[in-house]
Amino acid sequence: METNLEAIANDGNLCGEGPHWDERTQALYWTDIDGKKFYRYLWRERRHELVDQGFTVNGFCLQEDGGFAVTNSQGAWLWTPGEKPALVAAEADGQECRLNDCLADPEGRVYSGSYHLDDKGESDPSYLFRIDNDGTAHVVDEGIRFGNGLAFSPDCATLYFTDLAARCVYAYDWRRSDGALSRRRVFVRVDRSEGMPDGLTVDAEGFLWVAHWFGGCVTRYDPEGKRERKVRLPATQTSSMVFGGPDLDELYVTTAAMNNCLMLAPEGYDPEREFVGGPLYRLRPGVRGKLKFRSRIGHRHD
């Protein structure tokens, strides 16, 4: 079971998100979306550092040939810290790519959901997009309220995708040949009292881990959608997590210090009486994770 919960970085991240383990350099990258800061934790040196700041990174993938594929509210980008980002896609099939979290598939294509939410908790139609290797973007699903975390099952037969405002995690059948998705169904629905599902990751046993924004925890579900455990954290705005470390047996969890989406909070939730977040945490849950795939996105040539 989980042991040794520790805060390994405490920079007061306004919206810590999207942790990603780089096995080549033995480093963990993550973003502070609202702080416009990009960090990494150097595992061998047991320290973290600010990599870059000033560019908003909502989600990112490690590019196979170096640098990052980045998603944010303006679209999808190719980016090397310290250099000017290059826009890849700003719209797809007539819809703006107002993108949140993202994930690469085994072929290097990137999936990302959009988000639109007003101060009443209402949402314009949002979408799930796929960005192909040549930089062409496509709408692959609609009827989304607030796109968020994504994860593949170990055999890649299933893609999981969070709709935060709908408080559910969807599952799709995934086809490798062209990246097509089919048979969307609700895999997990989270009660309002437990916050909202946010970031996702999958472990080597095929169980899905879900971060609970407002819930102060991460939960683990078996492949049938049955909850196997809940791991509580000190911060209520728990945003995402990923497995890392040389043996992929450490779970890194991001949190957020800036209150967000309060109109969707559980009844009676009072951020003034809670520690909402900001640190990056690490724990050892007794299971190993799976590496994420690297993106292979280029520029579209019209």
Protein backbone atom coordinates (compact mmCIF):
# COMPACT_ATOMS: atom_id res chain seq x y z
CA MET A 1 0.00 0.00 0.00
CA GLU A 2 0.94 3.66 -0.22
CA THR A 3 3.85 4.84 1.91
CA ASN A 4 6.26 7.73 2.26
CA LEU A 5 4.11 10.58 1.00
CA GLU A 6 6.36 13.61 0.66
CA ALA A 7 6.31 17.05 -0.92
CA ILE A 8 9.37 17.18 -3.19
CA ALA A 9 8.76 20.62 -4.68
CA ASN A 10 6.83 23.48 -3.13
CA ASP A 11 6.87 26.53 -5.36
CA GLY A 12 3.22 27.35 -4.76
CA ASN A 13 2.16 26.25 -8.24
CA LEU A 14 -1.03 28.11 -9.13
CA CYS A 15 -2.12 25.18 -11.29
CA GLY A 16 0.41 22.37 -11.23
CA GLU A 17 -0.50 19.90 -13.97
CA GLY A 18 0.52 17.34 -16.58
CA PRO A 19 3.46 15.50 -14.93
CA HIS A 20 5.49 13.45 -17.42
CA TRP A 21 8.43 11.14 -16.70
CA ASP A 22 11.40 11.19 -19.10
CA GLU A 23 13.17 7.84 -18.81
CA ARG A 24 16.05 9.01 -21.03
CA THR A 25 17.17 11.75 -18.65
CA GLN A 26 15.61 10.38 -15.44
CA ALA A 27 13.69 13.59 -14.94
CA LEU A 28 10.08 14.50 -14.21
CA TYR A 29 8.58 17.47 -16.07
CA TRP A 30 5.44 19.33 -15.04
CA THR A 31 3.74 22.64 -15.74
CA ASP A 32 2.22 25.45 -13.70
CA ILE A 33 -0.46 26.53 -16.16
CA ASP A 34 -1.57 29.80 -14.59
CA GLY A 35 1.93 30.65 -13.39
CA LYS A 36 3.25 30.14 -16.94
CA LYS A 37 6.14 28.14 -15.55
CA PHE A 38 7.65 24.83 -16.67
CA TYR A 39 9.65 22.67 -14.23
CA ARG A 40 11.60 19.48 -13.98
CA TYR A 41 12.68 17.30 -11.08
CA LEU A 42 16.13 15.74 -11.52
CA TRP A 43 15.81 12.31 -9.93
CA ARG A 44 19.52 11.54 -9.54
CA GLU A 45 20.25 14.93 -7.99
CA ARG A 46 17.11 14.99 -5.86
CA ARG A 47 16.34 18.58 -6.80
CA HIS A 48 13.99 20.50 -9.07
CA GLU A 49 14.50 23.54 -11.27
CA LEU A 50 12.58 26.06 -13.34
CA VAL A 51 13.13 25.19 -17.01
CA ASP A 52 11.28 28.10 -18.64
CA GLN A 53 8.59 30.67 -17.97
CA GLY A 54 6.30 32.99 -19.90
CA PHE A 55 4.71 30.40 -22.22
CA THR A 56 1.42 28.82 -21.18
CA VAL A 57 1.64 25.02 -21.22
CA ASN A 58 -1.69 23.34 -20.47
CA GLY A 59 -0.54 19.90 -21.60
CA PHE A 60 2.57 18.45 -23.22
CA CYS A 61 4.17 15.35 -24.66
CA LEU A 62 7.84 14.56 -25.05
CA GLN A 63 8.68 14.69 -28.74
CA GLU A 64 10.62 11.69 -30.07
CA ASP A 65 13.29 13.90 -31.64
CA GLY A 66 13.55 16.34 -28.73
CA GLY A 67 11.52 19.21 -27.34
CA PHE A 68 7.82 19.07 -26.64
CA ALA A 69 4.43 19.02 -28.30
CA VAL A 70 2.36 21.50 -26.28
CA THR A 71 -1.37 22.18 -26.04
CA ASN A 72 -2.92 25.38 -24.72
CA SER A 73 -5.89 27.68 -25.27
CA GLN A 74 -4.46 28.88 -28.61
CA GLY A 75 -3.88 25.42 -30.08
CA ALA A 76 -1.12 22.85 -30.52
CA TRP A 77 2.53 23.83 -30.69
CA LEU A 78 6.05 22.50 -31.09
CA TRP A 79 8.34 23.95 -28.45
CA THR A 80 11.89 23.74 -27.20
CA PRO A 81 12.37 25.66 -23.94
CA GLY A 82 14.34 28.83 -24.54
CA GLU A 83 13.14 29.05 -28.14
CA LYS A 84 10.06 30.54 -29.77
CA PRO A 85 7.10 28.13 -29.91
CA ALA A 86 5.82 27.16 -33.38
CA LEU A 87 2.06 26.89 -33.85
CA VAL A 88 0.96 23.63 -35.46
CA ALA A 89 -2.86 23.78 -35.31
CA ALA A 90 -5.32 26.43 -34.14
CA GLU A 91 -8.54 24.93 -35.49
CA ALA A 92 -9.93 21.66 -36.76
CA ASP A 93 -13.07 21.01 -38.78
CA GLY A 94 -14.23 24.56 -38.06
CA GLN A 95 -13.72 24.30 -34.27
CA GLU A 96 -11.14 26.25 -32.31
CA CYS A 97 -8.43 24.15 -30.69
CA ARG A 98 -8.82 25.54 -27.18
CA LEU A 99 -6.87 22.64 -25.76
CA ASN A 100 -6.22 21.35 -22.28
CA ASP A 101 -4.35 18.15 -21.36
CA CYS A 102 -2.88 15.93 -24.10
CA LEU A 103 -1.51 12.44 -24.73
CA ALA A 104 0.47 10.76 -27.49
CA ASP A 105 -0.50 7.38 -28.93
CA PRO A 106 1.96 4.64 -29.99
CA GLU A 107 2.16 6.13 -33.50
CA GLY A 108 3.08 9.58 -32.19
CA ARG A 109 -0.30 11.20 -32.86
CA VAL A 110 -1.64 13.48 -30.10
CA TYR A 111 -5.11 13.59 -28.54
CA SER A 112 -6.38 16.61 -26.61
CA GLY A 113 -9.75 17.81 -25.37
CA SER A 114 -11.05 21.37 -25.42
CA TYR A 115 -12.73 23.28 -22.61
CA HIS A 116 -15.24 26.11 -22.26
CA LEU A 117 -16.65 26.97 -18.85
CA ASP A 118 -18.27 30.19 -17.61
CA ASP A 119 -18.62 31.44 -14.04
CA LYS A 120 -21.98 29.70 -13.71
CA GLY A 121 -20.53 26.31 -14.57
CA GLU A 122 -22.12 26.29 -18.02
CA SER A 123 -20.09 25.13 -20.99
CA ASP A 124 -20.16 25.79 -24.70
CA PRO A 125 -19.74 22.62 -26.75
CA SER A 126 -16.25 21.18 -26.41
CA TYR A 127 -14.52 18.45 -28.38
CA LEU A 128 -11.89 15.75 -28.40
CA PHE A 129 -9.26 16.35 -31.09
CA ARG A 130 -6.56 14.26 -32.72
CA ILE A 131 -3.44 15.84 -34.19
CA ASP A 132 -1.83 13.61 -36.79
CA ASN A 133 1.88 13.27 -37.49
CA ASP A 134 1.75 15.85 -40.27
CA GLY A 135 0.18 18.43 -37.94
CA THR A 136 -3.34 18.09 -39.31
CA ALA A 137 -5.99 18.33 -36.56
CA HIS A 138 -9.35 16.54 -36.56
CA VAL A 139 -12.41 16.47 -34.31
CA VAL A 140 -12.84 12.87 -33.14
CA ASP A 141 -15.66 13.31 -30.61
CA GLU A 142 -18.15 15.94 -29.50
CA GLY A 143 -20.62 16.41 -26.67
CA ILE A 144 -17.79 17.21 -24.25
CA ARG A 145 -18.10 19.87 -21.54
CA PHE A 146 -14.53 20.21 -20.21
CA GLY A 147 -11.85 17.96 -21.70
CA ASN A 148 -9.12 16.88 -19.32
CA GLY A 149 -6.90 13.87 -18.55
CA LEU A 150 -6.16 11.02 -20.96
CA ALA A 151 -4.56 7.59 -20.61
CA PHE A 152 -4.17 4.37 -22.61
CA SER A 153 -4.72 0.90 -21.22
CA PRO A 154 -1.49 -1.18 -21.28
CA ASP A 155 -2.59 -3.04 -24.43
CA CYS A 156 -3.73 0.27 -26.02
CA ALA A 157 -7.12 -1.23 -26.82
CA THR A 158 -8.78 1.45 -24.69
CA LEU A 159 -8.34 5.21 -24.46
CA TYR A 160 -9.62 6.84 -21.26
CA PHE A 161 -10.67 10.50 -21.32
CA THR A 162 -11.94 12.77 -18.54
CA ASP A 163 -14.83 15.21 -18.88
CA LEU A 164 -14.25 17.18 -15.71
CA ALA A 165 -17.49 19.20 -15.71
CA ALA A 166 -19.58 16.09 -16.45
CA ARG A 167 -17.72 14.35 -13.59
CA CYS A 168 -17.03 11.24 -15.61
CA VAL A 169 -14.25 9.32 -17.29
CA TYR A 170 -15.10 7.91 -20.72
CA ALA A 171 -13.57 4.85 -22.32
CA TYR A 172 -13.19 4.39 -26.09
CA ASP A 173 -12.07 1.56 -28.31
CA TRP A 174 -8.91 2.75 -30.10
CA ARG A 175 -7.73 1.66 -33.56
CA ARG A 176 -4.02 1.79 -34.20
CA SER A 177 -4.09 2.00 -37.99
CA ASP A 178 -5.65 5.45 -38.15
CA GLY A 179 -6.22 6.52 -34.54
CA ALA A 180 -10.01 6.22 -34.84
CA LEU A 181 -12.12 6.06 -31.67
CA SER A 182 -15.40 4.19 -31.24
CA ARG A 183 -17.91 2.90 -28.70
CA ARG A 184 -17.69 5.69 -26.15
CA ARG A 185 -19.05 4.63 -22.78
CA VAL A 186 -18.89 5.93 -19.20
CA PHE A 187 -16.13 4.09 -17.36
CA VAL A 188 -16.35 5.96 -14.03
CA ARG A 189 -18.75 8.59 -12.77
CA VAL A 190 -17.66 10.61 -9.73
CA ASP A 191 -20.17 11.91 -7.20
CA ARG A 192 -20.06 15.66 -6.58
CA SER A 193 -19.16 15.02 -2.93
CA GLU A 194 -15.85 13.52 -4.10
CA GLY A 195 -14.86 16.42 -6.34
CA MET A 196 -14.25 16.17 -10.07
CA PRO A 197 -12.10 13.69 -12.02
CA ASP A 198 -9.05 15.39 -13.50
CA GLY A 199 -5.74 13.85 -14.61
CA LEU A 200 -5.35 10.15 -15.38
CA THR A 201 -2.62 7.53 -15.53
CA VAL A 202 -2.56 3.74 -15.92
CA ASP A 203 -0.35 1.31 -14.04
CA ALA A 204 1.30 -1.87 -15.31
CA GLU A 205 -1.56 -4.00 -13.97
CA GLY A 206 -4.06 -2.14 -16.15
CA PHE A 207 -5.70 -0.19 -13.33
CA LEU A 208 -6.69 3.43 -13.95
CA TRP A 209 -5.65 6.16 -11.51
CA VAL A 210 -7.82 9.29 -11.27
CA ALA A 211 -6.92 12.59 -9.58
CA HIS A 212 -9.84 14.28 -7.80
CA TRP A 213 -9.99 18.07 -8.04
CA PHE A 214 -11.65 19.28 -4.78
CA GLY A 215 -11.42 15.70 -3.53
CA GLY A 216 -7.93 15.75 -2.01
CA CYS A 217 -7.16 12.26 -3.27
CA VAL A 218 -6.26 9.94 -6.09
CA THR A 219 -8.28 6.77 -6.69
CA ARG A 220 -7.47 3.49 -8.43
CA TYR A 221 -10.00 1.57 -10.54
CA ASP A 222 -9.78 -1.94 -11.96
CA PRO A 223 -10.39 -2.51 -15.71
CA GLU A 224 -14.11 -3.04 -15.01
CA GLY A 225 -14.48 0.36 -13.34
CA LYS A 226 -14.58 -0.86 -9.73
CA ARG A 227 -12.69 1.28 -7.23
CA GLU A 228 -9.80 -0.58 -5.62
CA ARG A 229 -8.40 2.14 -3.36
CA LYS A 230 -8.36 5.80 -2.43
CA VAL A 231 -5.15 7.60 -1.47
CA ARG A 232 -5.67 10.86 0.41
CA LEU A 233 -3.39 13.88 -0.03
CA PRO A 234 -3.05 17.08 2.02
CA ALA A 235 -4.16 19.31 -0.88
CA THR A 236 -7.80 19.37 -1.98
CA GLN A 237 -7.08 20.52 -5.56
CA THR A 238 -5.33 17.36 -6.68
CA SER A 239 -4.86 17.72 -10.43
CA SER A 240 -2.86 14.91 -12.04
CA MET A 241 -0.29 12.18 -11.52
CA VAL A 242 2.22 9.96 -13.31
CA PHE A 243 4.51 7.07 -12.44
CA GLY A 244 8.23 7.75 -12.50
CA GLY A 245 11.58 6.89 -11.01
CA PRO A 246 14.02 4.34 -12.50
CA ASP A 247 11.65 1.46 -11.66
CA LEU A 248 8.42 3.39 -12.37
CA ASP A 249 7.31 2.63 -8.81
CA GLU A 250 6.93 6.22 -7.61
CA LEU A 251 3.71 8.15 -8.14
CA TYR A 252 4.13 11.90 -8.64
CA VAL A 253 1.04 14.04 -7.97
CA THR A 254 0.53 17.69 -8.92
CA THR A 255 -1.74 20.14 -7.07
CA ALA A 256 -2.97 23.71 -7.53
CA ALA A 257 -2.87 26.72 -5.20
CA MET A 258 -5.27 28.97 -7.12
CA ASN A 259 -8.97 28.34 -6.59
CA ASN A 260 -10.67 27.29 -9.80
CA CYS A 261 -14.10 25.97 -10.85
CA LEU A 262 -15.59 26.74 -7.43
CA MET A 263 -19.09 26.74 -8.95
CA LEU A 264 -18.67 22.96 -9.38
CA ALA A 265 -17.28 22.28 -5.90
CA PRO A 266 -18.93 19.86 -3.47
CA GLU A 267 -21.70 21.27 -1.30
CA GLY A 268 -20.22 23.06 1.71
CA TYR A 269 -16.70 23.23 0.24
CA ASP A 270 -14.87 26.23 1.70
CA PRO A 271 -11.42 26.95 0.23
CA GLU A 272 -10.69 29.33 3.10
CA ARG A 273 -10.77 26.41 5.51
CA GLU A 274 -8.80 23.99 3.32
CA PHE A 275 -5.25 23.68 2.08
CA VAL A 276 -6.03 23.73 -1.62
CA GLY A 277 -2.56 22.93 -2.95
CA GLY A 278 0.60 24.03 -4.72
CA PRO A 279 3.24 21.36 -3.97
CA LEU A 280 4.36 18.40 -6.07
CA TYR A 281 4.00 15.19 -4.07
CA ARG A 282 5.58 11.76 -4.39
CA LEU A 283 4.42 8.47 -2.92
CA ARG A 284 5.10 4.76 -3.41
CA PRO A 285 1.83 2.90 -3.94
CA GLY A 286 3.27 -0.60 -4.25
CA VAL A 287 2.61 -0.97 -7.97
CA ARG A 288 4.54 0.07 -11.06
CA GLY A 289 3.44 2.32 -13.86
CA LYS A 290 3.75 2.47 -17.62
CA LEU A 291 5.73 4.94 -19.70
CA LYS A 292 3.80 7.40 -21.83
CA PHE A 293 4.40 7.38 -25.57
CA ARG A 294 6.38 10.11 -27.28
CA SER A 295 4.79 12.36 -29.86
CA ARG A 296 6.00 12.58 -33.44
CA ILE A 297 4.27 15.72 -34.65
CA GLY A 298 5.56 17.84 -37.53
CA HIS A 299 4.31 20.95 -39.31
CA ARG A 300 1.51 20.65 -41.81
CA HIS A 301 2.56 21.53 -45.36
CA ASP A 302 -0.41 22.88 -47.30
